[in-house]
N, C-alpha and C. Protein backbone atom coordinates (compact mmCIF):
# COMPACT_ATOMS: atom_id res chain seq x y z
N ALA A 1 -7.85 9.02 4.10
CA ALA A 1 -9.15 9.65 4.40
C ALA A 1 -10.20 8.95 4.13
N ASN A 2 -11.47 9.29 4.58
CA ASN A 2 -12.61 8.80 4.53
C ASN A 2 -13.08 8.98 3.11
N GLY A 3 -13.70 8.15 2.56
CA GLY A 3 -14.50 8.20 1.18
C GLY A 3 -13.44 8.35 0.02
N THR A 4 -12.29 7.70 0.10
CA THR A 4 -11.26 7.99 -0.90
C THR A 4 -10.67 6.76 -1.71
N GLN A 5 -11.11 5.76 -1.39
CA GLN A 5 -10.70 4.44 -1.75
C GLN A 5 -11.65 3.92 -2.74
N ASP A 6 -11.21 3.44 -4.08
CA ASP A 6 -11.92 2.95 -5.13
C ASP A 6 -12.24 1.36 -4.91
N LEU A 7 -11.01 0.62 -4.34
CA LEU A 7 -11.48 -0.74 -4.17
C LEU A 7 -10.63 -1.13 -2.91
N ILE A 8 -11.18 -1.76 -1.97
CA ILE A 8 -10.78 -2.46 -0.61
C ILE A 8 -10.85 -3.94 -0.81
N LEU A 9 -9.89 -4.71 -0.29
CA LEU A 9 -10.06 -6.12 -0.20
C LEU A 9 -9.87 -6.19 1.34
N SER A 10 -10.58 -7.19 1.88
CA SER A 10 -10.62 -7.26 3.34
C SER A 10 -10.48 -8.78 3.55
N LEU A 11 -9.67 -9.17 4.40
CA LEU A 11 -9.55 -10.75 4.59
C LEU A 11 -10.53 -11.37 5.66
N ASP A 12 -11.40 -10.21 6.31
CA ASP A 12 -12.02 -10.68 7.42
C ASP A 12 -13.50 -9.70 7.35
N ARG A 13 -14.55 -10.15 7.92
CA ARG A 13 -15.76 -9.07 7.85
C ARG A 13 -15.48 -8.02 8.84
N LEU A 14 -14.85 -8.33 9.92
CA LEU A 14 -14.64 -7.26 11.06
C LEU A 14 -13.57 -6.15 10.33
N GLU A 15 -12.62 -6.69 9.60
CA GLU A 15 -11.63 -5.87 9.08
C GLU A 15 -12.57 -4.92 8.13
N ALA A 16 -13.64 -5.66 7.09
CA ALA A 16 -14.28 -4.79 6.16
C ALA A 16 -14.87 -3.66 6.82
N ALA A 17 -15.66 -4.13 8.06
CA ALA A 17 -16.45 -3.07 8.77
C ALA A 17 -15.58 -1.87 9.20
N ARG A 18 -14.57 -2.05 9.50
CA ARG A 18 -13.59 -0.94 10.06
C ARG A 18 -13.14 -0.17 8.93
N ALA A 19 -12.92 -0.83 7.70
CA ALA A 19 -12.31 -0.13 6.54
C ALA A 19 -13.57 0.70 5.74
N LEU A 20 -14.97 0.22 5.94
CA LEU A 20 -15.87 0.70 5.15
C LEU A 20 -16.04 2.19 5.19
N PRO A 21 -15.73 3.07 5.98
CA PRO A 21 -15.75 4.64 5.83
C PRO A 21 -14.79 4.96 4.83
N LEU A 22 -13.70 4.27 4.60
CA LEU A 22 -12.69 4.65 3.63
C LEU A 22 -12.99 4.52 2.11
N LEU A 23 -14.11 3.76 1.92
CA LEU A 23 -14.56 3.52 0.48
C LEU A 23 -15.43 4.69 -0.23
N LYS A 24 -15.04 4.76 -1.23
CA LYS A 24 -15.89 5.93 -2.09
C LYS A 24 -17.30 5.44 -2.28
N LEU A 25 -17.98 6.27 -2.31
CA LEU A 25 -19.58 6.03 -2.68
C LEU A 25 -19.81 5.06 -4.00
N THR A 26 -18.86 5.35 -4.75
CA THR A 26 -18.77 4.74 -6.09
C THR A 26 -17.91 3.35 -5.98
N GLY A 27 -17.24 2.96 -4.84
CA GLY A 27 -16.21 2.00 -4.69
C GLY A 27 -16.81 0.79 -4.67
N THR A 28 -15.75 -0.26 -4.76
CA THR A 28 -16.28 -1.71 -4.28
C THR A 28 -15.47 -2.18 -3.23
N MET A 29 -15.97 -3.00 -2.40
CA MET A 29 -15.23 -3.85 -1.22
C MET A 29 -15.37 -5.16 -1.51
N LEU A 30 -14.25 -5.89 -1.49
CA LEU A 30 -14.57 -7.34 -1.51
C LEU A 30 -13.99 -8.03 -0.26
N SER A 31 -15.00 -8.79 0.59
CA SER A 31 -14.47 -9.44 1.79
C SER A 31 -14.47 -10.78 1.91
N ASN A 32 -13.51 -11.21 2.43
CA ASN A 32 -13.56 -12.88 2.73
C ASN A 32 -14.64 -13.12 3.64
N ASN A 33 -15.26 -14.00 3.83
CA ASN A 33 -16.50 -14.41 4.62
C ASN A 33 -16.11 -14.59 6.00
N ASP A 34 -14.70 -14.85 6.26
CA ASP A 34 -14.31 -15.28 7.71
C ASP A 34 -14.65 -13.97 8.69
N PHE A 35 -14.82 -14.47 9.79
CA PHE A 35 -15.22 -13.46 11.12
C PHE A 35 -14.05 -13.91 12.09
N THR A 36 -13.06 -13.03 12.41
CA THR A 36 -12.26 -13.39 13.45
C THR A 36 -12.60 -12.21 14.56
N MET A 37 -12.94 -13.02 15.80
CA MET A 37 -13.29 -12.00 16.96
C MET A 37 -11.88 -11.83 17.64
N PRO A 38 -11.67 -10.32 17.91
CA PRO A 38 -10.60 -9.83 18.52
C PRO A 38 -10.37 -10.52 19.88
N LEU A 39 -9.28 -10.97 20.24
CA LEU A 39 -9.00 -11.66 21.30
C LEU A 39 -9.57 -10.90 22.80
N HIS A 40 -9.24 -9.59 22.77
CA HIS A 40 -9.93 -8.92 24.07
C HIS A 40 -11.25 -8.85 24.08
N CYS A 41 -12.02 -9.14 22.88
CA CYS A 41 -13.63 -9.17 23.12
C CYS A 41 -14.05 -10.63 23.24
N ALA A 42 -13.20 -11.62 22.82
CA ALA A 42 -13.66 -12.97 22.94
C ALA A 42 -13.80 -13.57 24.38
N THR A 43 -14.74 -13.03 25.06
CA THR A 43 -15.00 -13.66 26.33
C THR A 43 -16.21 -14.63 26.24
N LYS A 44 -17.33 -14.33 25.71
CA LYS A 44 -18.50 -15.03 25.61
C LYS A 44 -18.92 -15.37 24.21
N ASP A 45 -19.41 -16.72 23.91
CA ASP A 45 -19.80 -16.96 22.70
C ASP A 45 -20.91 -15.98 22.24
N THR A 46 -21.99 -15.62 23.19
CA THR A 46 -23.15 -14.80 22.92
C THR A 46 -22.50 -13.37 22.33
N GLN A 47 -21.33 -12.96 22.86
CA GLN A 47 -20.82 -11.68 22.41
C GLN A 47 -20.34 -11.78 21.03
N LYS A 48 -19.72 -12.95 20.73
CA LYS A 48 -19.18 -13.08 19.26
C LYS A 48 -20.37 -13.17 18.41
N SER A 49 -21.33 -14.07 18.63
CA SER A 49 -22.47 -14.17 17.67
C SER A 49 -23.30 -12.96 17.55
N GLU A 50 -23.16 -12.02 18.57
CA GLU A 50 -24.09 -10.74 18.42
C GLU A 50 -23.33 -9.95 17.71
N LEU A 51 -21.96 -9.60 17.91
CA LEU A 51 -21.14 -8.86 17.08
C LEU A 51 -20.98 -9.21 15.67
N GLU A 52 -20.88 -10.47 15.45
CA GLU A 52 -21.00 -11.13 14.07
C GLU A 52 -22.13 -10.77 13.46
N GLY A 53 -23.30 -10.82 14.24
CA GLY A 53 -24.74 -10.87 13.41
C GLY A 53 -24.65 -9.28 13.11
N ARG A 54 -24.36 -8.19 14.01
CA ARG A 54 -24.54 -6.91 13.56
C ARG A 54 -23.43 -6.65 12.50
N ILE A 55 -22.28 -7.13 12.40
CA ILE A 55 -21.44 -6.70 11.39
C ILE A 55 -21.78 -7.41 9.83
N THR A 56 -22.34 -8.48 10.05
CA THR A 56 -22.99 -9.28 8.59
C THR A 56 -24.19 -8.45 8.13
N LYS A 57 -24.99 -8.05 9.22
CA LYS A 57 -26.20 -7.04 8.62
C LYS A 57 -25.79 -5.84 7.98
N MET A 58 -24.60 -5.19 8.62
CA MET A 58 -24.28 -3.85 8.14
C MET A 58 -23.70 -4.03 6.60
N LEU A 59 -22.69 -5.16 6.69
CA LEU A 59 -22.27 -5.22 5.32
C LEU A 59 -23.11 -5.67 4.11
N GLU A 60 -24.31 -6.44 4.52
CA GLU A 60 -25.26 -6.99 3.53
C GLU A 60 -26.08 -5.74 3.28
N LEU A 61 -26.21 -4.70 4.07
CA LEU A 61 -26.96 -3.64 3.68
C LEU A 61 -26.29 -2.73 2.75
N ASP A 62 -24.98 -2.71 2.55
CA ASP A 62 -24.29 -1.93 1.85
C ASP A 62 -24.03 -2.51 0.46
N THR A 63 -24.56 -1.88 -0.42
CA THR A 63 -24.46 -2.54 -1.90
C THR A 63 -22.95 -2.77 -2.63
N ARG A 64 -22.03 -1.78 -2.00
CA ARG A 64 -20.72 -1.82 -2.50
C ARG A 64 -20.02 -2.85 -2.00
N VAL A 65 -20.51 -3.61 -0.92
CA VAL A 65 -19.77 -4.72 -0.28
C VAL A 65 -20.09 -6.06 -0.99
N ARG A 66 -19.11 -6.88 -1.45
CA ARG A 66 -19.40 -8.37 -1.86
C ARG A 66 -18.48 -9.13 -1.10
N CYS A 67 -19.09 -10.13 -0.48
CA CYS A 67 -18.27 -11.33 0.19
C CYS A 67 -17.92 -12.45 -0.56
N LEU A 68 -16.92 -13.12 -0.28
CA LEU A 68 -16.46 -14.28 -1.09
C LEU A 68 -15.87 -15.13 0.09
N ASP A 69 -16.09 -16.42 -0.33
CA ASP A 69 -15.51 -17.50 0.78
C ASP A 69 -13.94 -17.74 0.21
N ALA A 70 -13.06 -16.88 0.47
CA ALA A 70 -11.89 -16.80 -0.14
C ALA A 70 -11.05 -17.89 0.59
N SER A 71 -11.45 -18.00 1.94
CA SER A 71 -10.63 -19.03 2.75
C SER A 71 -10.88 -20.61 2.14
N SER A 72 -12.06 -20.77 1.77
CA SER A 72 -12.32 -22.02 1.19
C SER A 72 -11.80 -22.29 -0.19
N ILE A 73 -11.78 -21.30 -0.92
CA ILE A 73 -11.22 -21.22 -2.33
C ILE A 73 -9.71 -21.61 -2.26
N ALA A 74 -9.01 -20.83 -1.14
CA ALA A 74 -7.61 -21.19 -0.84
C ALA A 74 -7.40 -22.60 -0.36
N ALA A 75 -8.15 -23.24 0.50
CA ALA A 75 -8.05 -24.44 0.82
C ALA A 75 -8.20 -25.40 -0.14
N LYS A 76 -8.95 -25.23 -0.97
CA LYS A 76 -9.22 -26.16 -2.15
C LYS A 76 -8.20 -26.12 -3.07
N ALA A 77 -7.42 -24.83 -2.96
CA ALA A 77 -6.30 -24.62 -3.95
C ALA A 77 -5.01 -25.30 -3.48
N GLY A 78 -5.21 -25.67 -2.14
CA GLY A 78 -3.98 -26.58 -1.58
C GLY A 78 -3.23 -25.57 -0.80
N ASN A 79 -3.48 -24.23 -0.39
CA ASN A 79 -2.91 -23.42 0.45
C ASN A 79 -3.81 -22.53 1.36
N PRO A 80 -4.20 -23.02 2.52
CA PRO A 80 -5.13 -22.10 3.30
C PRO A 80 -4.67 -20.60 3.44
N LYS A 81 -3.59 -20.52 3.15
CA LYS A 81 -3.26 -19.09 3.52
C LYS A 81 -3.13 -18.01 2.26
N ALA A 82 -3.78 -18.87 1.20
CA ALA A 82 -3.71 -17.99 -0.19
C ALA A 82 -5.10 -17.24 -0.23
N ALA A 83 -5.90 -17.10 0.75
CA ALA A 83 -7.10 -16.42 0.67
C ALA A 83 -6.95 -15.00 0.01
N ASN A 84 -5.83 -14.33 0.32
CA ASN A 84 -5.58 -12.91 -0.39
C ASN A 84 -5.55 -13.11 -1.92
N MET A 85 -5.03 -14.17 -2.31
CA MET A 85 -4.89 -14.53 -3.64
C MET A 85 -6.21 -14.71 -4.37
N ALA A 86 -7.04 -15.45 -3.61
CA ALA A 86 -8.68 -15.51 -4.01
C ALA A 86 -9.20 -14.36 -4.25
N LEU A 87 -9.09 -13.41 -3.26
CA LEU A 87 -9.59 -11.86 -3.25
C LEU A 87 -9.00 -11.26 -4.35
N CYS A 88 -7.52 -11.43 -4.66
CA CYS A 88 -7.19 -10.51 -5.86
C CYS A 88 -7.73 -11.22 -7.02
N GLY A 89 -7.91 -12.40 -7.22
CA GLY A 89 -8.65 -12.87 -8.32
C GLY A 89 -9.96 -12.35 -8.62
N ALA A 90 -10.59 -12.37 -7.47
CA ALA A 90 -12.08 -11.88 -7.55
C ALA A 90 -12.13 -10.38 -7.81
N ALA A 91 -11.05 -9.60 -7.40
CA ALA A 91 -10.92 -8.21 -7.74
C ALA A 91 -10.18 -7.95 -9.12
N SER A 92 -9.83 -8.69 -9.77
CA SER A 92 -9.05 -8.56 -10.97
C SER A 92 -9.90 -7.97 -12.13
N ARG A 93 -11.09 -8.10 -12.11
CA ARG A 93 -12.07 -7.38 -13.42
C ARG A 93 -12.45 -6.05 -12.82
N ALA A 94 -11.81 -5.64 -11.61
CA ALA A 94 -12.07 -4.17 -11.16
C ALA A 94 -10.79 -3.34 -11.30
N VAL A 95 -9.78 -4.03 -11.53
CA VAL A 95 -8.33 -3.51 -11.58
C VAL A 95 -8.16 -3.09 -13.26
N PRO A 96 -7.71 -2.17 -13.56
CA PRO A 96 -7.50 -1.83 -14.89
C PRO A 96 -6.04 -2.38 -15.53
N LEU A 97 -5.91 -3.48 -15.31
CA LEU A 97 -4.52 -4.19 -15.85
C LEU A 97 -4.98 -5.47 -16.48
N PRO A 98 -4.02 -5.72 -17.34
CA PRO A 98 -4.50 -7.02 -18.08
C PRO A 98 -4.20 -8.32 -17.12
N ALA A 99 -4.92 -9.48 -17.44
CA ALA A 99 -4.91 -10.57 -16.51
C ALA A 99 -3.26 -11.00 -16.46
N GLU A 100 -2.71 -11.03 -17.59
CA GLU A 100 -1.32 -11.60 -17.76
C GLU A 100 -0.44 -10.77 -16.76
N SER A 101 -0.44 -9.51 -16.69
CA SER A 101 0.29 -8.59 -15.87
C SER A 101 -0.04 -9.04 -14.30
N LEU A 102 -1.21 -9.27 -13.91
CA LEU A 102 -1.48 -9.80 -12.49
C LEU A 102 -0.68 -10.98 -12.30
N ILE A 103 -1.07 -12.02 -13.32
CA ILE A 103 -0.42 -13.36 -12.97
C ILE A 103 1.33 -13.26 -12.98
N GLN A 104 1.65 -12.54 -13.86
CA GLN A 104 3.26 -12.36 -13.75
C GLN A 104 3.56 -11.72 -12.43
N ALA A 105 2.99 -10.70 -11.78
CA ALA A 105 3.17 -10.14 -10.48
C ALA A 105 3.11 -11.29 -9.41
N ILE A 106 2.27 -12.00 -9.58
CA ILE A 106 1.95 -13.14 -8.57
C ILE A 106 3.18 -13.92 -8.78
N CYS A 107 3.53 -14.42 -9.72
CA CYS A 107 4.72 -15.30 -10.09
C CYS A 107 5.96 -14.55 -9.60
N ALA A 108 6.12 -13.41 -9.80
CA ALA A 108 7.35 -12.97 -9.39
C ALA A 108 7.55 -12.47 -7.83
N GLU A 109 6.43 -12.54 -7.26
CA GLU A 109 6.54 -12.07 -5.78
C GLU A 109 6.35 -13.53 -5.05
N ILE A 110 5.72 -14.42 -5.38
CA ILE A 110 5.50 -15.61 -4.79
C ILE A 110 6.56 -16.69 -4.82
N ALA A 111 6.89 -17.23 -3.59
CA ALA A 111 7.98 -18.25 -3.73
C ALA A 111 7.44 -19.32 -4.63
N PRO A 112 8.49 -19.96 -5.35
CA PRO A 112 8.13 -21.02 -6.23
C PRO A 112 7.18 -22.03 -5.79
N ARG A 113 7.49 -22.48 -4.69
CA ARG A 113 6.83 -23.82 -3.93
C ARG A 113 5.30 -23.50 -3.78
N HIS A 114 5.13 -22.17 -3.68
CA HIS A 114 3.59 -21.70 -3.39
C HIS A 114 3.03 -21.06 -4.70
N ALA A 115 3.62 -21.12 -5.73
CA ALA A 115 3.09 -20.43 -6.91
C ALA A 115 1.97 -21.15 -7.55
N GLU A 116 1.95 -22.68 -7.51
CA GLU A 116 0.90 -23.27 -8.06
C GLU A 116 -0.40 -23.06 -7.29
N SER A 117 -0.41 -23.17 -6.03
CA SER A 117 -1.55 -23.04 -5.26
C SER A 117 -2.09 -21.74 -5.20
N SER A 118 -1.19 -20.51 -5.27
CA SER A 118 -1.62 -19.30 -5.22
C SER A 118 -2.21 -19.01 -6.50
N LEU A 119 -1.78 -19.25 -7.86
CA LEU A 119 -2.43 -19.25 -9.00
C LEU A 119 -3.90 -20.09 -8.89
N LYS A 120 -3.97 -21.10 -8.46
CA LYS A 120 -5.10 -21.85 -8.27
C LYS A 120 -6.21 -21.04 -7.54
N ALA A 121 -5.88 -20.46 -6.35
CA ALA A 121 -6.70 -19.66 -5.42
C ALA A 121 -6.85 -18.27 -6.19
N TYR A 122 -6.10 -17.75 -6.93
CA TYR A 122 -6.46 -16.71 -7.94
C TYR A 122 -7.42 -16.81 -8.93
N PHE A 123 -7.31 -17.95 -9.62
CA PHE A 123 -8.23 -18.42 -10.65
C PHE A 123 -9.65 -18.79 -10.11
N GLY A 124 -9.62 -19.32 -8.74
CA GLY A 124 -10.93 -19.70 -7.98
C GLY A 124 -11.61 -18.51 -7.52
N GLY A 125 -10.81 -17.49 -7.10
CA GLY A 125 -11.53 -16.22 -6.82
C GLY A 125 -12.16 -15.62 -8.02
N MET A 126 -11.39 -15.74 -9.34
CA MET A 126 -11.93 -15.05 -10.41
C MET A 126 -13.30 -15.88 -10.70
N ALA A 127 -13.53 -17.21 -10.76
CA ALA A 127 -14.55 -17.89 -10.71
C ALA A 127 -15.60 -17.53 -9.88
N GLY A 128 -15.14 -17.27 -8.67
CA GLY A 128 -16.24 -16.77 -7.57
C GLY A 128 -16.90 -15.53 -7.84
N GLN A 129 -16.35 -14.69 -8.72
CA GLN A 129 -16.79 -13.63 -9.03
C GLN A 129 -17.43 -13.63 -10.34
N ALA A 130 -17.38 -14.81 -11.16
CA ALA A 130 -17.92 -14.97 -12.36
C ALA A 130 -17.40 -13.99 -13.44
N THR A 131 -16.14 -13.83 -13.40
CA THR A 131 -15.53 -12.82 -14.13
C THR A 131 -15.21 -13.45 -15.65
N SER A 132 -15.08 -12.74 -16.59
CA SER A 132 -14.75 -13.36 -18.05
C SER A 132 -13.32 -13.13 -18.45
N ARG A 133 -12.51 -12.69 -17.33
CA ARG A 133 -11.15 -12.39 -17.77
C ARG A 133 -10.49 -13.61 -18.08
N ALA A 134 -10.96 -14.99 -17.79
CA ALA A 134 -10.13 -16.22 -17.88
C ALA A 134 -9.60 -16.39 -19.46
N GLU A 135 -10.41 -15.39 -20.42
CA GLU A 135 -9.91 -15.86 -21.94
C GLU A 135 -8.45 -15.25 -21.97
N ALA A 136 -8.31 -14.18 -20.98
CA ALA A 136 -7.06 -13.38 -21.36
C ALA A 136 -5.77 -14.16 -20.76
N VAL A 137 -6.01 -15.11 -19.95
CA VAL A 137 -4.86 -15.84 -19.14
C VAL A 137 -4.06 -16.67 -20.16
N GLN A 138 -2.71 -16.44 -19.92
CA GLN A 138 -1.79 -17.14 -20.77
C GLN A 138 -1.14 -18.40 -19.92
N PRO A 139 -1.34 -19.56 -20.21
CA PRO A 139 -0.96 -20.67 -19.55
C PRO A 139 0.52 -20.57 -19.06
N ALA A 140 1.30 -20.13 -19.97
CA ALA A 140 2.89 -20.00 -19.80
C ALA A 140 3.20 -18.66 -19.10
N ALA A 141 2.42 -18.04 -18.37
CA ALA A 141 2.69 -16.65 -18.05
C ALA A 141 3.78 -16.82 -16.62
N CYS A 142 3.50 -17.98 -16.28
CA CYS A 142 4.42 -18.30 -14.87
C CYS A 142 5.30 -19.52 -15.07
N PRO A 143 6.56 -19.21 -14.88
CA PRO A 143 7.35 -20.49 -15.28
C PRO A 143 7.41 -21.57 -14.08
N PHE A 144 6.91 -21.08 -12.79
CA PHE A 144 6.96 -22.00 -11.86
C PHE A 144 5.80 -23.02 -11.96
N VAL A 145 4.74 -22.83 -12.76
CA VAL A 145 3.62 -23.50 -12.62
C VAL A 145 3.54 -24.54 -14.02
N MET A 146 3.24 -25.69 -13.95
CA MET A 146 3.11 -26.58 -15.03
C MET A 146 1.89 -25.98 -15.83
N VAL A 147 2.29 -25.95 -17.15
CA VAL A 147 1.27 -25.64 -18.14
C VAL A 147 0.03 -26.21 -18.07
N GLU A 148 0.17 -27.66 -17.92
CA GLU A 148 -1.12 -28.10 -17.80
C GLU A 148 -2.13 -27.97 -16.74
N ALA A 149 -1.57 -27.78 -15.56
CA ALA A 149 -2.29 -27.26 -14.49
C ALA A 149 -2.92 -26.04 -14.70
N THR A 150 -2.15 -25.01 -15.20
CA THR A 150 -2.95 -23.74 -15.42
C THR A 150 -3.88 -23.72 -16.48
N ALA A 151 -3.65 -24.63 -17.57
CA ALA A 151 -4.77 -24.73 -18.46
C ALA A 151 -6.02 -25.29 -18.04
N ALA A 152 -5.80 -26.30 -17.14
CA ALA A 152 -7.03 -26.95 -16.57
C ALA A 152 -7.79 -26.03 -15.73
N LEU A 153 -7.19 -24.99 -14.92
CA LEU A 153 -7.70 -24.02 -14.18
C LEU A 153 -8.48 -23.00 -15.18
N LYS A 154 -7.77 -22.78 -16.13
CA LYS A 154 -8.59 -21.70 -17.26
C LYS A 154 -9.76 -22.22 -17.66
N GLU A 155 -9.91 -23.64 -18.06
CA GLU A 155 -11.12 -24.01 -18.44
C GLU A 155 -12.25 -24.25 -17.39
N GLN A 156 -11.80 -24.30 -16.06
CA GLN A 156 -12.66 -24.45 -15.03
C GLN A 156 -13.29 -23.19 -14.87
N VAL A 157 -12.46 -21.87 -14.95
CA VAL A 157 -12.97 -20.59 -14.94
C VAL A 157 -13.97 -20.19 -16.26
N ALA A 158 -13.37 -20.53 -17.30
CA ALA A 158 -14.07 -20.30 -18.47
C ALA A 158 -15.65 -20.82 -18.59
């Protein structure tokens, strides 16, 4: 129902615009900076730039919305598909859970071969939101990730 969500994460600005009515007046929305034009609308470049401009302006006017370049953070982390992890990292300070719990959940759900890049994206998202949660991160929280790599990421965020 409209106006019921405390926190919304969006992988795309168009998706964010669609979900905005669901957000509480006191809620927060974190959106990736990407804009993907729906295929049925993608007929002319002028239509795309006009629609993108309108959506960007709408999101900029709403103080509950914060955008993050999650796709770039994920690409720098080594996995362009980990933009969702960057958004989770950015949202971590708004979620009433210890950082260790979030990191353990990521490690439990992500395939071992993607764990390191996913955690890098998560920490990159934390840094993108200038969060101070880095102090709570335990380097050994994920058995799939080298302790040295996690410790280096922790230093970057701090």
